[in-house]
C-alpha atoms as a PDB file:
ATOM      1  CA  MET A   1     144.155 112.778  40.574  1.00  0.00           C
ATOM      2  CA  SER A   2     140.651 111.494  39.810  1.00  0.00           C
ATOM      3  CA  HIS A   3     140.334 110.152  43.390  1.00  0.00           C
ATOM      4  CA  LEU A   4     140.447 113.753  44.614  1.00  0.00           C
ATOM      5  CA  PHE A   5     136.993 114.376  43.180  1.00  0.00           C
ATOM      6  CA  GLN A   6     135.412 110.992  43.865  1.00  0.00           C
ATOM      7  CA  ASN A   7     133.012 112.453  46.446  1.00  0.00           C
ATOM      8  CA  CYS A   8     132.190 115.528  44.372  1.00  0.00           C
ATOM      9  CA  LYS A   9     129.094 115.980  42.254  1.00  0.00           C
ATOM     10  CA  LEU A  10     130.680 117.176  38.996  1.00  0.00           C
ATOM     11  CA  THR A  11     130.076 116.945  35.288  1.00  0.00           C
ATOM     12  CA  SER A  12     132.585 114.908  33.316  1.00  0.00           C
ATOM     13  CA  TYR A  13     133.670 118.076  31.524  1.00  0.00           C
ATOM     14  CA  TYR A  14     134.334 120.082  34.699  1.00  0.00           C
ATOM     15  CA  LYS A  15     136.084 117.179  36.398  1.00  0.00           C
ATOM     16  CA  HIS A  16     138.409 116.868  33.388  1.00  0.00           C
ATOM     17  CA  LEU A  17     139.057 120.613  33.462  1.00  0.00           C
ATOM     18  CA  LEU A  18     139.991 120.551  37.148  1.00  0.00           C
ATOM     19  CA  GLU A  19     142.232 117.527  36.681  1.00  0.00           C
ATOM     20  CA  THR A  20     143.961 119.292  33.800  1.00  0.00           C
ATOM     21  CA  LEU A  21     144.467 122.445  35.871  1.00  0.00           C
ATOM     22  CA  GLY A  22     145.906 120.421  38.749  1.00  0.00           C
ATOM     23  CA  ASN A  23     144.786 119.886  42.319  1.00  0.00           C
ATOM     24  CA  ASP A  24     146.572 123.033  43.488  1.00  0.00           C
ATOM     25  CA  HIS A  25     144.424 125.226  41.271  1.00  0.00           C
ATOM     26  CA  PRO A  26     142.093 127.450  43.311  1.00  0.00           C
ATOM     27  CA  LEU A  27     139.022 126.286  41.382  1.00  0.00           C
ATOM     28  CA  CYS A  28     139.361 122.871  43.026  1.00  0.00           C
ATOM     29  CA  ARG A  29     138.545 124.377  46.425  1.00  0.00           C
ATOM     30  CA  THR A  30     135.142 125.467  45.208  1.00  0.00           C
ATOM     31  CA  VAL A  31     133.906 121.893  44.733  1.00  0.00           C
ATOM     32  CA  LEU A  32     135.882 119.821  47.240  1.00  0.00           C
ATOM     33  CA  PRO A  33     133.914 118.966  50.402  1.00  0.00           C
ATOM     34  CA  ILE A  34     134.974 120.962  53.432  1.00  0.00           C
ATOM     35  CA  ASN A  35     135.587 118.839  56.514  1.00  0.00           C
ATOM     36  CA  ASP A  36     135.230 121.663  59.011  1.00  0.00           C
ATOM     37  CA  ARG A  37     132.167 123.772  58.281  1.00  0.00           C
ATOM     38  CA  ALA A  38     131.863 125.133  61.827  1.00  0.00           C
ATOM     39  CA  PRO A  39     129.775 128.310  61.520  1.00  0.00           C
ATOM     40  CA  LEU A  40     130.930 131.719  62.640  1.00  0.00           C
ATOM     41  CA  SER A  41     128.703 134.307  64.268  1.00  0.00           C
ATOM     42  CA  GLY A  42     126.303 135.789  61.726  1.00  0.00           C
ATOM     43  CA  GLU A  43     126.350 132.829  59.334  1.00  0.00           C
ATOM     44  CA  LEU A  44     122.940 131.409  58.455  1.00  0.00           C
ATOM     45  CA  ALA A  45     121.455 128.393  56.712  1.00  0.00           C
ATOM     46  CA  ASP A  46     119.216 130.789  54.780  1.00  0.00           C
ATOM     47  CA  PRO A  47     121.329 133.963  54.613  1.00  0.00           C
ATOM     48  CA  LEU A  48     119.029 135.829  52.222  1.00  0.00           C
ATOM     49  CA  GLY A  49     115.854 135.172  54.194  1.00  0.00           C
ATOM     50  CA  GLU A  50     114.240 133.345  51.285  1.00  0.00           C
ATOM     51  CA  GLU A  51     112.077 131.134  53.471  1.00  0.00           C
ATOM     52  CA  LYS A  52     110.253 134.076  55.037  1.00  0.00           C
ATOM     53  CA  HIS A  53     109.601 135.490  51.557  1.00  0.00           C
ATOM     54  CA  ARG A  54     108.337 132.193  50.145  1.00  0.00           C
ATOM     55  CA  VAL A  55     104.743 132.732  49.004  1.00  0.00           C
ATOM     56  CA  CYS A  56     104.393 129.099  47.952  1.00  0.00           C
ATOM     57  CA  PRO A  57     106.834 126.214  47.447  1.00  0.00           C
ATOM     58  CA  GLY A  58     109.070 127.230  44.561  1.00  0.00           C
ATOM     59  CA  LEU A  59     108.280 130.961  44.528  1.00  0.00           C
ATOM     60  CA  ILE A  60     110.234 133.595  46.483  1.00  0.00           C
ATOM     61  CA  HIS A  61     108.857 137.166  46.537  1.00  0.00           C
ATOM     62  CA  THR A  62     111.455 139.465  48.110  1.00  0.00           C
ATOM     63  CA  TYR A  63     111.056 142.572  45.915  1.00  0.00           C
ATOM     64  CA  PRO A  64     107.721 144.224  45.017  1.00  0.00           C
ATOM     65  CA  ASP A  65     108.138 143.784  41.248  1.00  0.00           C
ATOM     66  CA  LYS A  66     110.381 140.699  41.017  1.00  0.00           C
ATOM     67  CA  VAL A  67     110.118 137.034  41.966  1.00  0.00           C
ATOM     68  CA  LEU A  68     112.505 134.099  42.129  1.00  0.00           C
ATOM     69  CA  LEU A  69     111.105 130.901  40.642  1.00  0.00           C
ATOM     70  CA  LEU A  70     112.874 127.671  41.606  1.00  0.00           C
ATOM     71  CA  ALA A  71     112.463 125.418  38.588  1.00  0.00           C
ATOM     72  CA  THR A  72     114.636 122.589  39.936  1.00  0.00           C
ATOM     73  CA  LEU A  73     116.939 121.849  42.828  1.00  0.00           C
ATOM     74  CA  LYS A  74     119.431 119.904  40.759  1.00  0.00           C
ATOM     75  CA  CYS A  75     122.743 121.411  39.661  1.00  0.00           C
ATOM     76  CA  ALA A  76     125.401 120.295  37.227  1.00  0.00           C
ATOM     77  CA  VAL A  77     128.068 121.107  39.838  1.00  0.00           C
ATOM     78  CA  TYR A  78     127.605 121.677  43.573  1.00  0.00           C
ATOM     79  CA  CYS A  79     129.629 124.656  44.768  1.00  0.00           C
ATOM     80  CA  GLN A  80     130.792 124.648  48.390  1.00  0.00           C
ATOM     81  CA  TYR A  81     129.869 128.319  48.907  1.00  0.00           C
ATOM     82  CA  CYS A  82     126.313 127.911  47.587  1.00  0.00           C
ATOM     83  CA  THR A  83     123.756 130.307  49.047  1.00  0.00           C
ATOM     84  CA  ARG A  84     120.994 127.762  48.530  1.00  0.00           C
ATOM     85  CA  GLY A  85     122.998 124.795  49.781  1.00  0.00           C
ATOM     86  CA  ARG A  86     120.301 124.086  52.380  1.00  0.00           C
ATOM     87  CA  LEU A  87     118.162 122.867  49.507  1.00  0.00           C
ATOM     88  CA  VAL A  88     120.312 121.798  46.594  1.00  0.00           C
ATOM     89  CA  GLY A  89     123.640 120.439  47.805  1.00  0.00           C
ATOM     90  CA  PRO A  90     124.198 116.842  48.900  1.00  0.00           C
ATOM     91  CA  GLY A  91     124.606 116.777  52.655  1.00  0.00           C
ATOM     92  CA  PHE A  92     123.826 120.459  53.058  1.00  0.00           C
ATOM     93  CA  GLN A  93     120.409 120.130  54.767  1.00  0.00           C
ATOM     94  CA  THR A  94     120.805 122.433  57.744  1.00  0.00           C
ATOM     95  CA  PHE A  95     117.328 123.168  59.142  1.00  0.00           C
ATOM     96  CA  GLU A  96     117.291 121.925  62.724  1.00  0.00           C
ATOM     97  CA  ASN A  97     113.521 121.708  63.040  1.00  0.00           C
ATOM     98  CA  SER A  98     112.122 119.957  59.985  1.00  0.00           C
ATOM     99  CA  GLU A  99     108.564 120.525  61.235  1.00  0.00           C
ATOM    100  CA  ASP A 100     109.005 124.192  60.447  1.00  0.00           C
ATOM    101  CA  HIS A 101     109.914 123.313  56.873  1.00  0.00           C
ATOM    102  CA  ASP A 102     107.675 120.360  56.043  1.00  0.00           C
ATOM    103  CA  ASP A 103     107.287 121.553  52.472  1.00  0.00           C
ATOM    104  CA  VAL A 104     110.965 122.369  51.901  1.00  0.00           C
ATOM    105  CA  LEU A 105     111.784 121.302  48.398  1.00  0.00           C
ATOM    106  CA  SER A 106     113.458 117.974  47.764  1.00  0.00           C
ATOM    107  CA  ASN A 107     115.768 117.009  44.938  1.00  0.00           C
ATOM    108  CA  GLU A 108     112.728 115.407  43.289  1.00  0.00           C
ATOM    109  CA  TRP A 109     111.026 118.787  43.263  1.00  0.00           C
ATOM    110  CA  LYS A 110     108.602 119.434  40.429  1.00  0.00           C
ATOM    111  CA  LEU A 111     106.909 122.764  39.853  1.00  0.00           C
ATOM    112  CA  SER A 112     103.182 122.673  40.532  1.00  0.00           C
ATOM    113  CA  ASP A 113     100.477 124.686  38.806  1.00  0.00           C
ATOM    114  CA  ASN A 114     100.085 126.547  42.107  1.00  0.00           C
ATOM    115  CA  VAL A 115     103.340 128.391  41.379  1.00  0.00           C
ATOM    116  CA  PHE A 116     101.962 129.848  38.162  1.00  0.00           C
ATOM    117  CA  GLN A 117      98.526 130.541  39.680  1.00  0.00           C
ATOM    118  CA  THR A 118     100.210 132.425  42.517  1.00  0.00           C
ATOM    119  CA  LEU A 119     102.362 134.324  40.045  1.00  0.00           C
ATOM    120  CA  GLU A 120      99.234 135.231  38.055  1.00  0.00           C
ATOM    121  CA  ASN A 121      97.778 136.773  41.205  1.00  0.00           C
ATOM    122  CA  LEU A 122     100.899 138.827  41.966  1.00  0.00           C
ATOM    123  CA  LYS A 123      99.857 141.660  39.668  1.00  0.00           C
ATOM    124  CA  GLY A 124     102.727 143.942  40.637  1.00  0.00           C
ATOM    125  CA  VAL A 125     105.384 141.485  39.469  1.00  0.00           C
ATOM    126  CA  ARG A 126     107.010 142.322  36.158  1.00  0.00           C
ATOM    127  CA  ASP A 127     110.242 140.324  36.344  1.00  0.00           C
ATOM    128  CA  VAL A 128     110.787 136.597  36.909  1.00  0.00           C
ATOM    129  CA  LEU A 129     114.186 135.054  37.608  1.00  0.00           C
ATOM    130  CA  ILE A 130     114.107 131.317  36.932  1.00  0.00           C
ATOM    131  CA  SER A 131     116.731 129.619  39.047  1.00  0.00           C
ATOM    132  CA  GLY A 132     117.195 126.674  41.359  1.00  0.00           C
ATOM    133  CA  GLY A 133     119.382 124.566  41.347  1.00  0.00           C
ATOM    134  CA  ASP A 134     120.217 125.128  37.717  1.00  0.00           C
ATOM    135  CA  PRO A 135     117.328 125.288  35.246  1.00  0.00           C
ATOM    136  CA  LEU A 136     119.545 124.317  32.307  1.00  0.00           C
ATOM    137  CA  THR A 137     119.838 120.843  33.804  1.00  0.00           C
ATOM    138  CA  LEU A 138     116.198 120.367  32.762  1.00  0.00           C
ATOM    139  CA  PRO A 139     115.337 118.901  29.334  1.00  0.00           C
ATOM    140  CA  ASP A 140     114.365 121.326  26.593  1.00  0.00           C
ATOM    141  CA  ALA A 141     110.727 120.218  26.720  1.00  0.00           C
ATOM    142  CA  GLU A 142     110.443 121.008  30.438  1.00  0.00           C
ATOM    143  CA  LEU A 143     112.116 124.387  29.961  1.00  0.00           C
ATOM    144  CA  ASP A 144     109.742 125.178  27.111  1.00  0.00           C
ATOM    145  CA  ALA A 145     106.775 124.340  29.338  1.00  0.00           C
ATOM    146  CA  VAL A 146     108.016 126.579  32.168  1.00  0.00           C
ATOM    147  CA  PHE A 147     108.801 129.459  29.798  1.00  0.00           C
ATOM    148  CA  SER A 148     105.412 129.150  28.112  1.00  0.00           C
ATOM    149  CA  LYS A 149     103.497 129.222  31.402  1.00  0.00           C
ATOM    150  CA  VAL A 150     105.393 132.278  32.599  1.00  0.00           C
ATOM    151  CA  ARG A 151     105.006 134.087  29.283  1.00  0.00           C
ATOM    152  CA  LYS A 152     101.225 133.532  29.341  1.00  0.00           C
ATOM    153  CA  ILE A 153     101.003 135.801  32.385  1.00  0.00           C
ATOM    154  CA  SER A 154     100.266 139.217  30.928  1.00  0.00           C
ATOM    155  CA  HIS A 155     101.974 141.380  33.569  1.00  0.00           C
ATOM    156  CA  ILE A 156     105.340 139.588  33.259  1.00  0.00           C
ATOM    157  CA  ARG A 157     107.627 141.694  31.072  1.00  0.00           C
ATOM    158  CA  THR A 158     111.096 140.254  31.677  1.00  0.00           C
ATOM    159  CA  VAL A 159     112.174 136.643  32.162  1.00  0.00           C
ATOM    160  CA  ARG A 160     115.702 135.803  33.306  1.00  0.00           C
ATOM    161  CA  LEU A 161     117.409 132.479  33.878  1.00  0.00           C
ATOM    162  CA  GLY A 162     120.352 131.928  36.197  1.00  0.00           C
ATOM    163  CA  SER A 163     122.806 129.191  35.246  1.00  0.00           C
ATOM    164  CA  LYS A 164     126.354 127.892  35.608  1.00  0.00           C
ATOM    165  CA  VAL A 165     125.815 125.181  32.980  1.00  0.00           C
ATOM    166  CA  PRO A 166     127.712 126.946  30.157  1.00  0.00           C
ATOM    167  CA  ALA A 167     130.802 127.008  32.412  1.00  0.00           C
ATOM    168  CA  VAL A 168     130.581 123.419  33.631  1.00  0.00           C
ATOM    169  CA  MET A 169     128.699 121.539  30.906  1.00  0.00           C
ATOM    170  CA  PRO A 170     129.155 123.481  27.639  1.00  0.00           C
ATOM    171  CA  GLU A 171     127.946 120.534  25.551  1.00  0.00           C
ATOM    172  CA  ARG A 172     124.446 121.240  26.931  1.00  0.00           C
ATOM    173  CA  ILE A 173     124.338 124.457  24.890  1.00  0.00           C
ATOM    174  CA  THR A 174     122.909 123.379  21.549  1.00  0.00           C
ATOM    175  CA  PRO A 175     121.407 125.421  18.696  1.00  0.00           C
ATOM    176  CA  LYS A 176     118.020 123.994  19.714  1.00  0.00           C
ATOM    177  CA  LEU A 177     118.378 125.244  23.277  1.00  0.00           C
ATOM    178  CA  ALA A 178     119.650 128.631  22.087  1.00  0.00           C
ATOM    179  CA  GLY A 179     116.648 128.896  19.775  1.00  0.00           C
ATOM    180  CA  LEU A 180     114.310 128.079  22.645  1.00  0.00           C
ATOM    181  CA  LEU A 181     115.803 130.835  24.788  1.00  0.00           C
ATOM    182  CA  THR A 182     115.513 133.286  21.914  1.00  0.00           C
ATOM    183  CA  GLU A 183     111.929 132.289  21.165  1.00  0.00           C
ATOM    184  CA  HIS A 184     110.875 133.089  24.731  1.00  0.00           C
ATOM    185  CA  ARG A 185     113.099 136.199  24.963  1.00  0.00           C
ATOM    186  CA  ILE A 186     115.073 134.899  27.954  1.00  0.00           C
ATOM    187  CA  TRP A 187     117.943 136.823  29.509  1.00  0.00           C
ATOM    188  CA  LEU A 188     120.768 134.588  30.737  1.00  0.00           C
ATOM    189  CA  GLN A 189     122.536 135.393  34.010  1.00  0.00           C
ATOM    190  CA  LEU A 190     125.619 133.200  33.987  1.00  0.00           C
ATOM    191  CA  HIS A 191     127.889 132.245  36.870  1.00  0.00           C
ATOM    192  CA  PHE A 192     131.634 132.480  36.192  1.00  0.00           C
ATOM    193  CA  ILE A 193     134.227 132.833  38.933  1.00  0.00           C
ATOM    194  CA  HIS A 194     137.635 132.363  37.291  1.00  0.00           C
ATOM    195  CA  PRO A 195     139.196 132.960  33.845  1.00  0.00           C
ATOM    196  CA  ALA A 196     140.251 129.291  33.741  1.00  0.00           C
ATOM    197  CA  GLU A 197     136.578 128.498  33.146  1.00  0.00           C
ATOM    198  CA  LEU A 198     136.680 130.348  29.812  1.00  0.00           C
ATOM    199  CA  THR A 199     137.925 127.409  27.776  1.00  0.00           C
ATOM    200  CA  GLU A 200     137.605 126.852  24.030  1.00  0.00           C
ATOM    201  CA  GLU A 201     134.576 124.625  24.626  1.00  0.00           C
ATOM    202  CA  VAL A 202     132.901 127.272  26.742  1.00  0.00           C
ATOM    203  CA  GLY A 203     133.679 129.902  24.102  1.00  0.00           C
ATOM    204  CA  LEU A 204     131.918 127.826  21.464  1.00  0.00           C
ATOM    205  CA  ALA A 205     128.890 127.414  23.739  1.00  0.00           C
ATOM    206  CA  LEU A 206     128.715 131.156  24.372  1.00  0.00           C
ATOM    207  CA  ASP A 207     129.085 131.793  20.624  1.00  0.00           C
ATOM    208  CA  THR A 208     126.081 129.542  20.009  1.00  0.00           C
ATOM    209  CA  LEU A 209     124.022 131.582  22.441  1.00  0.00           C
ATOM    210  CA  ALA A 210     125.248 134.956  21.191  1.00  0.00           C
ATOM    211  CA  GLU A 211     124.713 134.105  17.520  1.00  0.00           C
ATOM    212  CA  ALA A 212     121.137 133.085  18.368  1.00  0.00           C
ATOM    213  CA  GLY A 213     120.585 136.515  19.927  1.00  0.00           C
ATOM    214  CA  VAL A 214     120.440 135.452  23.579  1.00  0.00           C
ATOM    215  CA  PRO A 215     121.390 138.425  25.823  1.00  0.00           C
ATOM    216  CA  MET A 216     123.913 137.404  28.491  1.00  0.00           C
ATOM    217  CA  VAL A 217     125.300 138.917  31.663  1.00  0.00           C
ATOM    218  CA  ALA A 218     127.575 137.315  34.258  1.00  0.00           C
ATOM    219  CA  GLN A 219     127.625 137.154  38.033  1.00  0.00           C
ATOM    220  CA  THR A 220     130.828 136.431  39.933  1.00  0.00           C
ATOM    221  CA  VAL A 221     131.203 135.669  43.621  1.00  0.00           C
ATOM    222  CA  LEU A 222     134.280 137.172  45.254  1.00  0.00           C
ATOM    223  CA  LEU A 223     136.086 134.228  46.848  1.00  0.00           C
ATOM    224  CA  LYS A 224     139.123 134.337  49.119  1.00  0.00           C
ATOM    225  CA  GLY A 225     142.217 132.806  47.551  1.00  0.00           C
ATOM    226  CA  ILE A 226     140.342 132.004  44.347  1.00  0.00           C
ATOM    227  CA  ASN A 227     139.635 135.262  42.537  1.00  0.00           C
ATOM    228  CA  ASP A 228     140.277 138.019  45.101  1.00  0.00           C
ATOM    229  CA  ASP A 229     143.034 139.784  43.185  1.00  0.00           C
ATOM    230  CA  ALA A 230     142.851 142.404  40.453  1.00  0.00           C
ATOM    231  CA  ASP A 231     144.803 140.389  37.863  1.00  0.00           C
ATOM    232  CA  THR A 232     142.421 137.416  38.053  1.00  0.00           C
ATOM    233  CA  LEU A 233     139.295 139.549  37.966  1.00  0.00           C
ATOM    234  CA  THR A 234     140.576 141.701  35.100  1.00  0.00           C
ATOM    235  CA  GLU A 235     141.326 138.596  33.032  1.00  0.00           C
ATOM    236  CA  LEU A 236     137.915 137.133  33.840  1.00  0.00           C
ATOM    237  CA  PHE A 237     135.927 140.266  33.037  1.00  0.00           C
ATOM    238  CA  TYR A 238     137.739 140.961  29.762  1.00  0.00           C
ATOM    239  CA  GLY A 239     137.386 137.289  28.851  1.00  0.00           C
ATOM    240  CA  LEU A 240     133.644 137.499  29.406  1.00  0.00           C
ATOM    241  CA  LEU A 241     133.381 140.608  27.231  1.00  0.00           C
ATOM    242  CA  GLU A 242     135.292 138.843  24.460  1.00  0.00           C
ATOM    243  CA  ASN A 243     132.635 136.149  24.631  1.00  0.00           C
ATOM    244  CA  ARG A 244     129.850 138.756  24.461  1.00  0.00           C
ATOM    245  CA  VAL A 245     128.881 138.386  28.112  1.00  0.00           C
ATOM    246  CA  LYS A 246     128.576 141.595  30.163  1.00  0.00           C
ATOM    247  CA  PRO A 247     130.040 141.396  33.693  1.00  0.00           C
ATOM    248  CA  TYR A 248     127.024 142.340  35.801  1.00  0.00           C
ATOM    249  CA  TYR A 249     127.622 141.733  39.512  1.00  0.00           C
ATOM    250  CA  LEU A 250     130.649 140.975  41.649  1.00  0.00           C
ATOM    251  CA  PHE A 251     128.999 139.571  44.764  1.00  0.00           C
ATOM    252  CA  GLN A 252     130.343 139.601  48.263  1.00  0.00           C
ATOM    253  CA  CYS A 253     130.101 135.957  49.316  1.00  0.00           C
ATOM    254  CA  ASP A 254     126.871 135.353  51.241  1.00  0.00           C
ATOM    255  CA  PRO A 255     127.333 134.373  54.913  1.00  0.00           C
ATOM    256  CA  VAL A 256     125.951 130.872  54.499  1.00  0.00           C
ATOM    257  CA  LEU A 257     126.817 128.388  57.231  1.00  0.00           C
ATOM    258  CA  GLY A 258     130.432 127.243  57.038  1.00  0.00           C
ATOM    259  CA  SER A 259     131.448 129.783  54.378  1.00  0.00           C
ATOM    260  CA  SER A 260     134.217 131.563  56.286  1.00  0.00           C
ATOM    261  CA  SER A 261     137.023 129.999  54.219  1.00  0.00           C
ATOM    262  CA  PHE A 262     135.548 131.643  51.106  1.00  0.00           C
ATOM    263  CA  ARG A 263     134.571 135.064  52.413  1.00  0.00           C
ATOM    264  CA  THR A 264     136.718 138.178  52.191  1.00  0.00           C
ATOM    265  CA  PRO A 265     136.366 141.336  54.297  1.00  0.00           C
ATOM    266  CA  VAL A 266     133.961 143.776  52.656  1.00  0.00           C
ATOM    267  CA  GLN A 267     136.701 146.387  52.362  1.00  0.00           C
ATOM    268  CA  LYS A 268     138.672 143.959  50.176  1.00  0.00           C
ATOM    269  CA  GLY A 269     135.933 144.078  47.548  1.00  0.00           C
ATOM    270  CA  LEU A 270     135.831 147.872  47.624  1.00  0.00           C
ATOM    271  CA  ASP A 271     139.599 148.089  47.262  1.00  0.00           C
ATOM    272  CA  LEU A 272     139.521 145.701  44.308  1.00  0.00           C
ATOM    273  CA  MET A 273     136.823 147.715  42.572  1.00  0.00           C
ATOM    274  CA  GLN A 274     138.902 150.866  43.077  1.00  0.00           C
ATOM    275  CA  GLU A 275     141.878 149.165  41.428  1.00  0.00           C
ATOM    276  CA  LEU A 276     139.796 147.691  38.608  1.00  0.00           C
ATOM    277  CA  GLN A 277     138.439 151.137  37.702  1.00  0.00           C
ATOM    278  CA  GLY A 278     141.915 152.187  36.675  1.00  0.00           C
ATOM    279  CA  ARG A 279     142.736 149.011  34.793  1.00  0.00           C
ATOM    280  CA  GLY A 280     139.852 148.297  32.507  1.00  0.00           C
ATOM    281  CA  SER A 281     137.050 149.511  30.311  1.00  0.00           C
ATOM    282  CA  GLY A 282     133.898 150.617  32.057  1.00  0.00           C
ATOM    283  CA  LEU A 283     132.096 147.955  30.062  1.00  0.00           C
ATOM    284  CA  ALA A 284     134.197 145.314  31.821  1.00  0.00           C
ATOM    285  CA  LEU A 285     133.330 146.541  35.324  1.00  0.00           C
ATOM    286  CA  PRO A 286     130.502 144.871  37.239  1.00  0.00           C
ATOM    287  CA  ASN A 287     128.732 146.340  40.236  1.00  0.00           C
ATOM    288  CA  PHE A 288     130.111 145.254  43.604  1.00  0.00           C
ATOM    289  CA  CYS A 289     127.119 144.066  45.535  1.00  0.00           C
ATOM    290  CA  ILE A 290     126.055 142.554  48.855  1.00  0.00           C
ATOM    291  CA  ASP A 291     122.793 140.661  49.090  1.00  0.00           C
ATOM    292  CA  ALA A 292     121.636 141.891  52.487  1.00  0.00           C
ATOM    293  CA  PRO A 293     121.248 139.061  55.012  1.00  0.00           C
ATOM    294  CA  GLY A 294     117.680 138.515  56.082  1.00  0.00           C
ATOM    295  CA  GLY A 295     116.097 139.438  52.762  1.00  0.00           C
ATOM    296  CA  GLY A 296     116.964 143.112  52.366  1.00  0.00           C
ATOM    297  CA  GLY A 297     117.837 142.630  48.714  1.00  0.00           C
ATOM    298  CA  LYS A 298     120.884 143.612  46.712  1.00  0.00           C
ATOM    299  CA  ILE A 299     122.851 146.663  47.836  1.00  0.00           C
ATOM    300  CA  VAL A 300     125.526 148.075  45.538  1.00  0.00           C
ATOM    301  CA  LEU A 301     128.665 149.493  47.174  1.00  0.00           C
ATOM    302  CA  HIS A 302     130.990 151.870  45.344  1.00  0.00           C
ATOM    303  CA  PRO A 303     134.713 152.506  45.802  1.00  0.00           C
ATOM    304  CA  GLY A 304     135.149 155.185  48.431  1.00  0.00           C
ATOM    305  CA  THR A 305     132.113 154.063  50.392  1.00  0.00           C
ATOM    306  CA  VAL A 306     132.676 154.660  54.103  1.00  0.00           C
ATOM    307  CA  LEU A 307     131.549 151.475  55.801  1.00  0.00           C
ATOM    308  CA  GLN A 308     129.428 151.851  58.915  1.00  0.00           C
ATOM    309  CA  ARG A 309     130.097 149.213  61.551  1.00  0.00           C
ATOM    310  CA  LYS A 310     128.178 147.761  64.440  1.00  0.00           C
ATOM    311  CA  LYS A 311     130.461 145.476  66.432  1.00  0.00           C
ATOM    312  CA  ASP A 312     131.632 142.782  63.981  1.00  0.00           C
ATOM    313  CA  SER A 313     129.142 143.631  61.227  1.00  0.00           C
ATOM    314  CA  ILE A 314     128.743 146.097  58.372  1.00  0.00           C
ATOM    315  CA  VAL A 315     125.563 148.177  58.499  1.00  0.00           C
ATOM    316  CA  LEU A 316     123.757 148.152  55.139  1.00  0.00           C
ATOM    317  CA  THR A 317     120.782 150.280  54.117  1.00  0.00           C
ATOM    318  CA  ASN A 318     118.544 148.896  51.377  1.00  0.00           C
ATOM    319  CA  TYR A 319     116.212 150.575  48.879  1.00  0.00           C
ATOM    320  CA  GLN A 320     113.470 150.783  51.537  1.00  0.00           C
ATOM    321  CA  GLY A 321     115.731 152.582  54.009  1.00  0.00           C
ATOM    322  CA  LYS A 322     115.872 149.517  56.273  1.00  0.00           C
ATOM    323  CA  GLU A 323     119.107 148.494  57.943  1.00  0.00           C
ATOM    324  CA  TYR A 324     120.667 145.051  57.681  1.00  0.00           C
ATOM    325  CA  LEU A 325     123.850 143.606  59.147  1.00  0.00           C
ATOM    326  CA  TYR A 326     126.448 141.678  57.148  1.00  0.00           C
ATOM    327  CA  PRO A 327     128.946 139.782  59.344  1.00  0.00           C
ATOM    328  CA  ASP A 328     132.438 141.139  58.677  1.00  0.00           C
ATOM    329  CA  ASN A 329     134.307 139.238  61.376  1.00  0.00           C
ATOM    330  CA  LEU A 330     137.089 137.610  59.351  1.00  0.00           C
END
């Protein structure tokens, strides 16, 4: 079966896992190139409006008190539903007019001092999410340098790091790395989408982090035919809790170009959350969330929410009272 993944950018560990699970396993769909990525109405190359909130290359300022810092554009595994595929995924460059994006980051991207100088000047920012790409693909020394520069900024109170590395390259999680994260008081936001990812090797990696005192939460993207049933999600969320990782968000899949094969109707997510409430501990329940297209930020939806519609879209109202449309035309 190895030929199935020959055009995929995978770690050796994750490739072996997928081959062991078999090519009919739903996880395989998340990494296999999609031949037909014809976009539907409402799908966007930059669904979260990050480019219009980019204050300098590598720094996205969507919320008043939070910023997104892109430490690298390299990932250990390239997911086919990636929100930031316009920047990080091989063959995913989708901007039609490159002149409008002459400083769009490349895969050789290196953070400049301008990022930290700009962050120093954003006095209202208290929270930094270090993401990419996947920051844990960087060497320890580079991570230490980034953490140190952020921590020197007096108004920054919380530093988070988003990563899928523990799920796809657990051997990267060493006591040294765990100690580094603890030293800089980093919160980990991990990306898990299926209980099959919670292997013995991953459990050992998460134990290393937990025993070092690294706080961990998990984000899961709701994906059609992959994890969009209550049994799968229940097993995943309880499995995360057993590994001392708090399920944090269940995300509606972002309407990135060519993502229709992964997206579920919004009502599906609400129905699943209703069912999960009766099947599990409150500690195992994440928030069901849509990241509003165009940069409106995260909007949490609760079971029983009456969805407002405008043609083929859901009307969302963010924390500022502004309305955004999420395409719900599946």
